All heavy atoms as atom14 arrays in JSON, in Angstrom:
{
  "sequence": "VAEVMLTGWRRRDEHRFTVSAQWPRLHGFFATVDGHHDPLLVAE",
  "atom14_mask": [
    [1, 1, 1, 1, 1, 1, 1, 0, 0, 0, 0, 0, 0, 0],
    [1, 1, 1, 1, 1, 0, 0, 0, 0, 0, 0, 0, 0, 0],
    [1, 1, 1, 1, 1, 1, 1, 1, 1, 0, 0, 0, 0, 0],
    [1, 1, 1, 1, 1, 1, 1, 0, 0, 0, 0, 0, 0, 0],
    [1, 1, 1, 1, 1, 1, 1, 1, 0, 0, 0, 0, 0, 0],
    [1, 1, 1, 1, 1, 1, 1, 1, 0, 0, 0, 0, 0, 0],
    [1, 1, 1, 1, 1, 1, 1, 0, 0, 0, 0, 0, 0, 0],
    [1, 1, 1, 1, 0, 0, 0, 0, 0, 0, 0, 0, 0, 0],
    [1, 1, 1, 1, 1, 1, 1, 1, 1, 1, 1, 1, 1, 1],
    [1, 1, 1, 1, 1, 1, 1, 1, 1, 1, 1, 0, 0, 0],
    [1, 1, 1, 1, 1, 1, 1, 1, 1, 1, 1, 0, 0, 0],
    [1, 1, 1, 1, 1, 1, 1, 1, 1, 1, 1, 0, 0, 0],
    [1, 1, 1, 1, 1, 1, 1, 1, 0, 0, 0, 0, 0, 0],
    [1, 1, 1, 1, 1, 1, 1, 1, 1, 0, 0, 0, 0, 0],
    [1, 1, 1, 1, 1, 1, 1, 1, 1, 1, 0, 0, 0, 0],
    [1, 1, 1, 1, 1, 1, 1, 1, 1, 1, 1, 0, 0, 0],
    [1, 1, 1, 1, 1, 1, 1, 1, 1, 1, 1, 0, 0, 0],
    [1, 1, 1, 1, 1, 1, 1, 0, 0, 0, 0, 0, 0, 0],
    [1, 1, 1, 1, 1, 1, 1, 0, 0, 0, 0, 0, 0, 0],
    [1, 1, 1, 1, 1, 1, 0, 0, 0, 0, 0, 0, 0, 0],
    [1, 1, 1, 1, 1, 0, 0, 0, 0, 0, 0, 0, 0, 0],
    [1, 1, 1, 1, 1, 1, 1, 1, 1, 0, 0, 0, 0, 0],
    [1, 1, 1, 1, 1, 1, 1, 1, 1, 1, 1, 1, 1, 1],
    [1, 1, 1, 1, 1, 1, 1, 0, 0, 0, 0, 0, 0, 0],
    [1, 1, 1, 1, 1, 1, 1, 1, 1, 1, 1, 0, 0, 0],
    [1, 1, 1, 1, 1, 1, 1, 1, 0, 0, 0, 0, 0, 0],
    [1, 1, 1, 1, 1, 1, 1, 1, 1, 1, 0, 0, 0, 0],
    [1, 1, 1, 1, 0, 0, 0, 0, 0, 0, 0, 0, 0, 0],
    [1, 1, 1, 1, 1, 1, 1, 1, 1, 1, 1, 0, 0, 0],
    [1, 1, 1, 1, 1, 1, 1, 1, 1, 1, 1, 0, 0, 0],
    [1, 1, 1, 1, 1, 0, 0, 0, 0, 0, 0, 0, 0, 0],
    [1, 1, 1, 1, 1, 1, 1, 0, 0, 0, 0, 0, 0, 0],
    [1, 1, 1, 1, 1, 1, 1, 0, 0, 0, 0, 0, 0, 0],
    [1, 1, 1, 1, 1, 1, 1, 1, 0, 0, 0, 0, 0, 0],
    [1, 1, 1, 1, 0, 0, 0, 0, 0, 0, 0, 0, 0, 0],
    [1, 1, 1, 1, 1, 1, 1, 1, 1, 1, 0, 0, 0, 0],
    [1, 1, 1, 1, 1, 1, 1, 1, 1, 1, 0, 0, 0, 0],
    [1, 1, 1, 1, 1, 1, 1, 1, 0, 0, 0, 0, 0, 0],
    [1, 1, 1, 1, 1, 1, 1, 0, 0, 0, 0, 0, 0, 0],
    [1, 1, 1, 1, 1, 1, 1, 1, 0, 0, 0, 0, 0, 0],
    [1, 1, 1, 1, 1, 1, 1, 1, 0, 0, 0, 0, 0, 0],
    [1, 1, 1, 1, 1, 1, 1, 0, 0, 0, 0, 0, 0, 0],
    [1, 1, 1, 1, 1, 0, 0, 0, 0, 0, 0, 0, 0, 0],
    [1, 1, 1, 1, 1, 1, 1, 1, 1, 0, 0, 0, 0, 0]
  ],
  "atom14_positions": [
    [[-69.12, 22.9, -86.61], [-67.9, 23.29, -85.91], [-67.71, 24.81, -85.95], [-67.17, 25.41, -85.03], [-66.7, 22.58, -86.56], [-65.4, 23.07, -85.97], [-66.79, 21.07, -86.34], [0.0, 0.0, 0.0], [0.0, 0.0, 0.0], [0.0, 0.0, 0.0], [0.0, 0.0, 0.0], [0.0, 0.0, 0.0], [0.0, 0.0, 0.0], [0.0, 0.0, 0.0]],
    [[-68.18, 25.43, -87.04], [-68.03, 26.91, -87.17], [-68.75, 27.67, -86.08], [-68.4, 28.84, -85.85], [-68.53, 27.35, -88.53], [0.0, 0.0, 0.0], [0.0, 0.0, 0.0], [0.0, 0.0, 0.0], [0.0, 0.0, 0.0], [0.0, 0.0, 0.0], [0.0, 0.0, 0.0], [0.0, 0.0, 0.0], [0.0, 0.0, 0.0], [0.0, 0.0, 0.0]],
    [[-69.7, 27.03, -85.4], [-70.46, 27.72, -84.37], [-69.96, 27.47, -82.95], [-70.56, 27.8, -81.96], [-71.95, 27.38, -84.46], [-72.59, 27.72, -85.79], [-72.36, 29.16, -86.17], [-72.4, 30.0, -85.29], [-72.13, 29.45, -87.38], [0.0, 0.0, 0.0], [0.0, 0.0, 0.0], [0.0, 0.0, 0.0], [0.0, 0.0, 0.0], [0.0, 0.0, 0.0]],
    [[-68.81, 26.75, -82.87], [-68.22, 26.48, -81.56], [-67.25, 27.6, -81.19], [-66.31, 27.89, -81.94], [-67.46, 25.11, -81.58], [-66.84, 24.84, -80.18], [-68.4, 23.98, -81.95], [0.0, 0.0, 0.0], [0.0, 0.0, 0.0], [0.0, 0.0, 0.0], [0.0, 0.0, 0.0], [0.0, 0.0, 0.0], [0.0, 0.0, 0.0], [0.0, 0.0, 0.0]],
    [[-67.46, 28.22, -80.06], [-66.68, 29.38, -79.65], [-65.52, 29.03, -78.7], [-64.56, 29.78, -78.52], [-67.51, 30.46, -78.95], [-68.73, 30.91, -79.74], [-68.23, 31.68, -81.28], [-69.79, 31.68, -82.16], [0.0, 0.0, 0.0], [0.0, 0.0, 0.0], [0.0, 0.0, 0.0], [0.0, 0.0, 0.0], [0.0, 0.0, 0.0], [0.0, 0.0, 0.0]],
    [[-65.58, 27.83, -78.08], [-64.63, 27.47, -77.06], [-63.44, 26.69, -77.63], [-63.59, 25.9, -78.55], [-65.33, 26.65, -75.97], [-66.65, 27.26, -75.4], [-67.18, 26.38, -74.29], [-66.42, 28.7, -74.96], [0.0, 0.0, 0.0], [0.0, 0.0, 0.0], [0.0, 0.0, 0.0], [0.0, 0.0, 0.0], [0.0, 0.0, 0.0], [0.0, 0.0, 0.0]],
    [[-62.28, 26.91, -77.02], [-61.07, 26.28, -77.52], [-60.35, 25.44, -76.49], [-59.43, 24.67, -76.81], [-60.06, 27.34, -78.03], [-59.8, 28.28, -76.93], [-60.64, 28.11, -79.19], [0.0, 0.0, 0.0], [0.0, 0.0, 0.0], [0.0, 0.0, 0.0], [0.0, 0.0, 0.0], [0.0, 0.0, 0.0], [0.0, 0.0, 0.0], [0.0, 0.0, 0.0]],
    [[-60.75, 25.48, -75.21], [-60.09, 24.67, -74.19], [-60.65, 24.99, -72.81], [-61.43, 25.92, -72.66], [0.0, 0.0, 0.0], [0.0, 0.0, 0.0], [0.0, 0.0, 0.0], [0.0, 0.0, 0.0], [0.0, 0.0, 0.0], [0.0, 0.0, 0.0], [0.0, 0.0, 0.0], [0.0, 0.0, 0.0], [0.0, 0.0, 0.0], [0.0, 0.0, 0.0]],
    [[-60.21, 24.17, -71.83], [-60.62, 24.43, -70.45], [-59.66, 23.71, -69.5], [-58.95, 22.79, -69.9], [-62.07, 23.93, -70.21], [-62.17, 22.43, -70.01], [-62.23, 21.74, -68.85], [-62.2, 21.43, -71.06], [-62.35, 20.41, -69.06], [-62.3, 20.18, -70.43], [-62.15, 21.47, -72.45], [-62.38, 18.97, -71.13], [-62.2, 20.29, -73.17], [-62.29, 19.07, -72.5]],
    [[-59.68, 24.16, -68.26], [-58.9, 23.44, -67.22], [-59.58, 23.7, -65.87], [-60.21, 24.73, -65.64], [-57.45, 23.93, -67.19], [-57.25, 25.38, -66.83], [-55.77, 25.73, -66.86], [-55.52, 27.18, -66.67], [-55.36, 27.71, -65.5], [-55.42, 26.93, -64.37], [-55.15, 29.0, -65.35], [0.0, 0.0, 0.0], [0.0, 0.0, 0.0], [0.0, 0.0, 0.0]],
    [[-59.43, 22.75, -64.98], [-59.99, 22.82, -63.63], [-59.02, 23.57, -62.77], [-57.83, 23.33, -62.75], [-60.23, 21.43, -63.06], [-60.77, 21.43, -61.65], [-60.9, 20.01, -61.12], [-62.02, 19.33, -61.72], [-63.27, 19.32, -61.21], [-63.54, 20.01, -60.11], [-64.26, 18.65, -61.8], [0.0, 0.0, 0.0], [0.0, 0.0, 0.0], [0.0, 0.0, 0.0]],
    [[-59.54, 24.52, -61.99], [-58.73, 25.27, -61.01], [-58.86, 24.69, -59.59], [-57.91, 24.64, -58.84], [-59.1, 26.74, -61.02], [-58.89, 27.41, -62.39], [-59.43, 28.81, -62.45], [-58.82, 29.67, -61.46], [-59.28, 30.91, -61.21], [-60.34, 31.37, -61.77], [-58.62, 31.66, -60.29], [0.0, 0.0, 0.0], [0.0, 0.0, 0.0], [0.0, 0.0, 0.0]],
    [[-60.06, 24.32, -59.2], [-60.3, 23.6, -57.96], [-61.65, 22.89, -58.11], [-62.11, 22.67, -59.23], [-60.27, 24.52, -56.74], [-61.27, 25.67, -56.79], [-62.37, 25.42, -57.35], [-60.98, 26.75, -56.27], [0.0, 0.0, 0.0], [0.0, 0.0, 0.0], [0.0, 0.0, 0.0], [0.0, 0.0, 0.0], [0.0, 0.0, 0.0], [0.0, 0.0, 0.0]],
    [[-62.25, 22.48, -57.04], [-63.41, 21.62, -57.14], [-64.57, 22.26, -57.9], [-65.27, 21.56, -58.65], [-63.91, 21.27, -55.71], [-65.1, 20.31, -55.73], [-65.54, 19.93, -54.31], [-64.96, 20.49, -53.36], [-66.47, 19.1, -54.2], [0.0, 0.0, 0.0], [0.0, 0.0, 0.0], [0.0, 0.0, 0.0], [0.0, 0.0, 0.0], [0.0, 0.0, 0.0]],
    [[-64.72, 23.57, -57.81], [-65.88, 24.23, -58.42], [-65.51, 25.38, -59.37], [-66.37, 26.06, -59.85], [-66.85, 24.76, -57.34], [-67.44, 23.69, -56.49], [-67.51, 23.76, -55.14], [-68.0, 22.48, -56.86], [-68.1, 22.65, -54.66], [-68.4, 21.86, -55.62], [0.0, 0.0, 0.0], [0.0, 0.0, 0.0], [0.0, 0.0, 0.0], [0.0, 0.0, 0.0]],
    [[-64.22, 25.59, -59.57], [-63.82, 26.71, -60.4], [-62.99, 26.21, -61.61], [-62.18, 25.31, -61.47], [-62.97, 27.7, -59.61], [-63.76, 28.41, -58.5], [-62.96, 29.56, -57.91], [-61.64, 29.08, -57.42], [-60.58, 29.85, -57.42], [-60.61, 31.06, -57.81], [-59.4, 29.35, -56.96], [0.0, 0.0, 0.0], [0.0, 0.0, 0.0], [0.0, 0.0, 0.0]],
    [[-63.26, 26.86, -62.76], [-62.61, 26.4, -63.98], [-62.23, 27.66, -64.83], [-62.8, 28.73, -64.64], [-63.59, 25.56, -64.8], [-64.15, 24.41, -64.04], [-65.32, 24.59, -63.26], [-63.53, 23.15, -63.99], [-65.83, 23.54, -62.51], [-64.07, 22.12, -63.26], [-65.22, 22.31, -62.51], [0.0, 0.0, 0.0], [0.0, 0.0, 0.0], [0.0, 0.0, 0.0]],
    [[-61.3, 27.42, -65.73], [-60.96, 28.47, -66.7], [-61.23, 27.89, -68.09], [-60.74, 26.79, -68.41], [-59.5, 28.89, -66.59], [-59.26, 29.46, -65.31], [-59.15, 29.92, -67.65], [0.0, 0.0, 0.0], [0.0, 0.0, 0.0], [0.0, 0.0, 0.0], [0.0, 0.0, 0.0], [0.0, 0.0, 0.0], [0.0, 0.0, 0.0], [0.0, 0.0, 0.0]],
    [[-62.03, 28.6, -68.87], [-62.38, 28.2, -70.23], [-61.87, 29.24, -71.18], [-61.96, 30.46, -70.97], [-63.91, 28.07, -70.37], [-64.28, 27.68, -71.81], [-64.46, 27.06, -69.38], [0.0, 0.0, 0.0], [0.0, 0.0, 0.0], [0.0, 0.0, 0.0], [0.0, 0.0, 0.0], [0.0, 0.0, 0.0], [0.0, 0.0, 0.0], [0.0, 0.0, 0.0]],
    [[-61.2, 28.79, -72.29], [-60.69, 29.69, -73.3], [-61.63, 29.69, -74.49], [-62.31, 28.68, -74.77], [-59.27, 29.3, -73.72], [-59.24, 27.97, -74.2], [0.0, 0.0, 0.0], [0.0, 0.0, 0.0], [0.0, 0.0, 0.0], [0.0, 0.0, 0.0], [0.0, 0.0, 0.0], [0.0, 0.0, 0.0], [0.0, 0.0, 0.0], [0.0, 0.0, 0.0]],
    [[-61.68, 30.8, -75.2], [-62.6, 30.91, -76.33], [-61.9, 31.79, -77.43], [-60.84, 32.36, -77.19], [-63.92, 31.55, -75.91], [0.0, 0.0, 0.0], [0.0, 0.0, 0.0], [0.0, 0.0, 0.0], [0.0, 0.0, 0.0], [0.0, 0.0, 0.0], [0.0, 0.0, 0.0], [0.0, 0.0, 0.0], [0.0, 0.0, 0.0], [0.0, 0.0, 0.0]],
    [[-62.53, 31.87, -78.57], [-62.14, 32.76, -79.59], [-63.38, 33.32, -80.27], [-64.3, 32.58, -80.62], [-61.25, 32.11, -80.67], [-60.73, 33.11, -81.67], [-59.85, 32.5, -82.74], [-60.35, 31.97, -83.73], [-58.54, 32.59, -82.56], [0.0, 0.0, 0.0], [0.0, 0.0, 0.0], [0.0, 0.0, 0.0], [0.0, 0.0, 0.0], [0.0, 0.0, 0.0]],
    [[-63.41, 34.67, -80.41], [-64.53, 35.32, -81.09], [-64.03, 35.84, -82.44], [-63.01, 36.56, -82.49], [-65.02, 36.5, -80.26], [-65.68, 36.09, -78.99], [-66.27, 34.92, -78.69], [-65.76, 36.91, -77.81], [-66.75, 34.93, -77.4], [-66.46, 36.16, -76.82], [-65.35, 38.19, -77.47], [-66.71, 36.64, -75.55], [-65.64, 38.67, -76.21], [-66.31, 37.91, -75.26]],
    [[-64.7, 35.52, -83.55], [-64.24, 36.0, -84.81], [-64.49, 37.53, -85.0], [-65.35, 38.08, -84.32], [-65.13, 35.17, -85.82], [-66.35, 34.88, -85.07], [-65.87, 34.68, -83.62], [0.0, 0.0, 0.0], [0.0, 0.0, 0.0], [0.0, 0.0, 0.0], [0.0, 0.0, 0.0], [0.0, 0.0, 0.0], [0.0, 0.0, 0.0], [0.0, 0.0, 0.0]],
    [[-63.73, 38.11, -85.83], [-63.96, 39.56, -86.11], [-65.25, 39.79, -86.86], [-65.86, 40.86, -86.74], [-62.77, 40.06, -86.93], [-61.43, 40.03, -86.18], [-60.25, 40.22, -87.13], [-60.26, 41.56, -87.71], [-59.52, 41.9, -88.77], [-58.76, 41.01, -89.34], [-59.56, 43.1, -89.2], [0.0, 0.0, 0.0], [0.0, 0.0, 0.0], [0.0, 0.0, 0.0]],
    [[-65.68, 38.78, -87.62], [-66.94, 38.88, -88.36], [-67.61, 37.54, -88.31], [-67.03, 36.56, -88.67], [-66.69, 39.3, -89.8], [-67.96, 39.47, -90.67], [-68.83, 40.61, -90.16], [-67.55, 39.71, -92.14], [0.0, 0.0, 0.0], [0.0, 0.0, 0.0], [0.0, 0.0, 0.0], [0.0, 0.0, 0.0], [0.0, 0.0, 0.0], [0.0, 0.0, 0.0]],
    [[-68.86, 37.5, -87.82], [-69.59, 36.25, -87.69], [-70.77, 36.34, -88.64], [-71.32, 37.39, -88.9], [-70.05, 36.05, -86.24], [-70.66, 34.71, -86.01], [-72.01, 34.47, -86.17], [-70.16, 33.55, -85.57], [-72.28, 33.19, -85.9], [-71.16, 32.62, -85.5], [0.0, 0.0, 0.0], [0.0, 0.0, 0.0], [0.0, 0.0, 0.0], [0.0, 0.0, 0.0]],
    [[-71.22, 35.15, -89.11], [-72.31, 35.12, -90.07], [-73.64, 35.57, -89.48], [-74.53, 35.95, -90.26], [0.0, 0.0, 0.0], [0.0, 0.0, 0.0], [0.0, 0.0, 0.0], [0.0, 0.0, 0.0], [0.0, 0.0, 0.0], [0.0, 0.0, 0.0], [0.0, 0.0, 0.0], [0.0, 0.0, 0.0], [0.0, 0.0, 0.0], [0.0, 0.0, 0.0]],
    [[-73.8, 35.52, -88.17], [-75.05, 35.94, -87.59], [-74.87, 36.95, -86.46], [-75.56, 37.98, -86.44], [-75.86, 34.75, -87.07], [-77.13, 35.16, -86.38], [-78.25, 35.52, -87.18], [-77.26, 35.26, -85.02], [-79.44, 35.95, -86.6], [-78.45, 35.66, -84.41], [-79.52, 36.01, -85.2], [0.0, 0.0, 0.0], [0.0, 0.0, 0.0], [0.0, 0.0, 0.0]],
    [[-73.99, 36.69, -85.53], [-73.77, 37.59, -84.4], [-73.13, 38.85, -84.96], [-71.92, 38.9, -85.24], [-72.91, 36.93, -83.29], [-73.59, 35.78, -82.66], [-73.15, 34.48, -82.87], [-74.71, 35.98, -81.86], [-73.8, 33.42, -82.27], [-75.34, 34.88, -81.22], [-74.9, 33.61, -81.46], [0.0, 0.0, 0.0], [0.0, 0.0, 0.0], [0.0, 0.0, 0.0]],
    [[-73.93, 39.89, -85.08], [-73.54, 41.04, -85.85], [-72.54, 41.96, -85.09], [-72.59, 42.07, -83.87], [-74.79, 41.86, -86.21], [0.0, 0.0, 0.0], [0.0, 0.0, 0.0], [0.0, 0.0, 0.0], [0.0, 0.0, 0.0], [0.0, 0.0, 0.0], [0.0, 0.0, 0.0], [0.0, 0.0, 0.0], [0.0, 0.0, 0.0], [0.0, 0.0, 0.0]],
    [[-71.67, 42.59, -85.85], [-70.85, 43.67, -85.3], [-71.8, 44.84, -84.96], [-72.59, 45.26, -85.77], [-69.81, 44.14, -86.36], [-69.0, 43.03, -86.7], [-68.98, 45.25, -85.81], [0.0, 0.0, 0.0], [0.0, 0.0, 0.0], [0.0, 0.0, 0.0], [0.0, 0.0, 0.0], [0.0, 0.0, 0.0], [0.0, 0.0, 0.0], [0.0, 0.0, 0.0]],
    [[-71.69, 45.32, -83.71], [-72.57, 46.37, -83.2], [-71.7, 47.63, -82.97], [-70.99, 47.66, -81.97], [-73.33, 45.94, -81.98], [-74.29, 47.06, -81.55], [-74.06, 44.62, -82.2], [0.0, 0.0, 0.0], [0.0, 0.0, 0.0], [0.0, 0.0, 0.0], [0.0, 0.0, 0.0], [0.0, 0.0, 0.0], [0.0, 0.0, 0.0], [0.0, 0.0, 0.0]],
    [[-71.74, 48.57, -83.86], [-71.02, 49.8, -83.67], [-69.54, 49.53, -83.35], [-68.93, 50.15, -82.44], [-71.65, 50.63, -82.54], [-71.17, 52.07, -82.51], [-70.71, 52.6, -83.57], [-71.19, 52.7, -81.43], [0.0, 0.0, 0.0], [0.0, 0.0, 0.0], [0.0, 0.0, 0.0], [0.0, 0.0, 0.0], [0.0, 0.0, 0.0], [0.0, 0.0, 0.0]],
    [[-68.93, 48.57, -84.08], [-67.52, 48.29, -83.87], [-67.23, 47.38, -82.69], [-66.06, 47.18, -82.38], [0.0, 0.0, 0.0], [0.0, 0.0, 0.0], [0.0, 0.0, 0.0], [0.0, 0.0, 0.0], [0.0, 0.0, 0.0], [0.0, 0.0, 0.0], [0.0, 0.0, 0.0], [0.0, 0.0, 0.0], [0.0, 0.0, 0.0], [0.0, 0.0, 0.0]],
    [[-68.26, 46.83, -82.09], [-68.1, 45.97, -80.9], [-68.5, 44.54, -81.24], [-69.37, 44.28, -82.09], [-68.95, 46.43, -79.73], [-68.59, 47.78, -79.22], [-68.94, 48.96, -79.88], [-67.92, 48.18, -78.09], [-68.51, 49.99, -79.2], [-67.86, 49.56, -78.11], [0.0, 0.0, 0.0], [0.0, 0.0, 0.0], [0.0, 0.0, 0.0], [0.0, 0.0, 0.0]],
    [[-67.93, 43.58, -80.52], [-68.42, 42.24, -80.56], [-69.87, 42.2, -80.02], [-70.21, 42.9, -79.07], [-67.56, 41.27, -79.77], [-66.23, 41.01, -80.42], [-66.07, 40.2, -81.51], [-64.96, 41.43, -80.12], [-64.81, 40.14, -81.88], [-64.12, 40.89, -81.05], [0.0, 0.0, 0.0], [0.0, 0.0, 0.0], [0.0, 0.0, 0.0], [0.0, 0.0, 0.0]],
    [[-70.67, 41.39, -80.61], [-72.08, 41.31, -80.29], [-72.25, 40.78, -78.86], [-71.73, 39.73, -78.51], [-72.77, 40.33, -81.25], [-74.28, 40.35, -81.15], [-74.81, 40.82, -80.13], [-74.93, 39.87, -82.11], [0.0, 0.0, 0.0], [0.0, 0.0, 0.0], [0.0, 0.0, 0.0], [0.0, 0.0, 0.0], [0.0, 0.0, 0.0], [0.0, 0.0, 0.0]],
    [[-73.02, 41.51, -77.98], [-73.27, 40.96, -76.62], [-73.96, 39.61, -76.65], [-73.77, 38.82, -75.69], [-74.17, 42.03, -76.0], [-73.79, 43.29, -76.74], [-73.53, 42.87, -78.15], [0.0, 0.0, 0.0], [0.0, 0.0, 0.0], [0.0, 0.0, 0.0], [0.0, 0.0, 0.0], [0.0, 0.0, 0.0], [0.0, 0.0, 0.0], [0.0, 0.0, 0.0]],
    [[-74.69, 39.27, -77.7], [-75.32, 37.98, -77.77], [-74.26, 36.9, -78.05], [-74.44, 35.71, -77.71], [-76.43, 37.92, -78.83], [-77.83, 38.07, -78.26], [-78.01, 39.48, -77.68], [-78.85, 37.76, -79.29], [0.0, 0.0, 0.0], [0.0, 0.0, 0.0], [0.0, 0.0, 0.0], [0.0, 0.0, 0.0], [0.0, 0.0, 0.0], [0.0, 0.0, 0.0]],
    [[-73.12, 37.28, -78.64], [-72.03, 36.32, -78.8], [-71.43, 35.98, -77.42], [-71.03, 34.85, -77.17], [-70.93, 36.95, -79.68], [-69.76, 36.08, -80.05], [-70.17, 34.88, -80.83], [-68.68, 36.89, -80.8], [0.0, 0.0, 0.0], [0.0, 0.0, 0.0], [0.0, 0.0, 0.0], [0.0, 0.0, 0.0], [0.0, 0.0, 0.0], [0.0, 0.0, 0.0]],
    [[-71.43, 37.01, -76.56], [-71.01, 36.75, -75.14], [-71.96, 35.79, -74.48], [-71.57, 34.83, -73.8], [-70.93, 38.07, -74.38], [-70.45, 37.85, -72.94], [-69.98, 39.06, -75.06], [0.0, 0.0, 0.0], [0.0, 0.0, 0.0], [0.0, 0.0, 0.0], [0.0, 0.0, 0.0], [0.0, 0.0, 0.0], [0.0, 0.0, 0.0], [0.0, 0.0, 0.0]],
    [[-73.27, 36.0, -74.67], [-74.3, 35.11, -74.1], [-74.13, 33.68, -74.62], [-74.19, 32.73, -73.85], [-75.68, 35.64, -74.39], [0.0, 0.0, 0.0], [0.0, 0.0, 0.0], [0.0, 0.0, 0.0], [0.0, 0.0, 0.0], [0.0, 0.0, 0.0], [0.0, 0.0, 0.0], [0.0, 0.0, 0.0], [0.0, 0.0, 0.0], [0.0, 0.0, 0.0]],
    [[-73.89, 33.53, -75.91], [-73.66, 32.2, -76.46], [-72.42, 31.52, -75.89], [-72.41, 30.33, -75.66], [-73.6, 32.29, -77.99], [-73.17, 31.01, -78.71], [-74.17, 29.87, -78.6], [-75.31, 30.1, -78.06], [-73.82, 28.76, -78.97], [0.0, 0.0, 0.0], [0.0, 0.0, 0.0], [0.0, 0.0, 0.0], [0.0, 0.0, 0.0], [0.0, 0.0, 0.0]]
  ]
}
């Protein structure tokens, strides 16, 4: 469960959706990069 980034979703129309997420300030693997959230966290 600790590796799940998503917190909810809803349908906007047939092909469009809104998904909510939360990114931790410090993750066990996705490293803080120069004070930024890890771009690989975005990819995940």
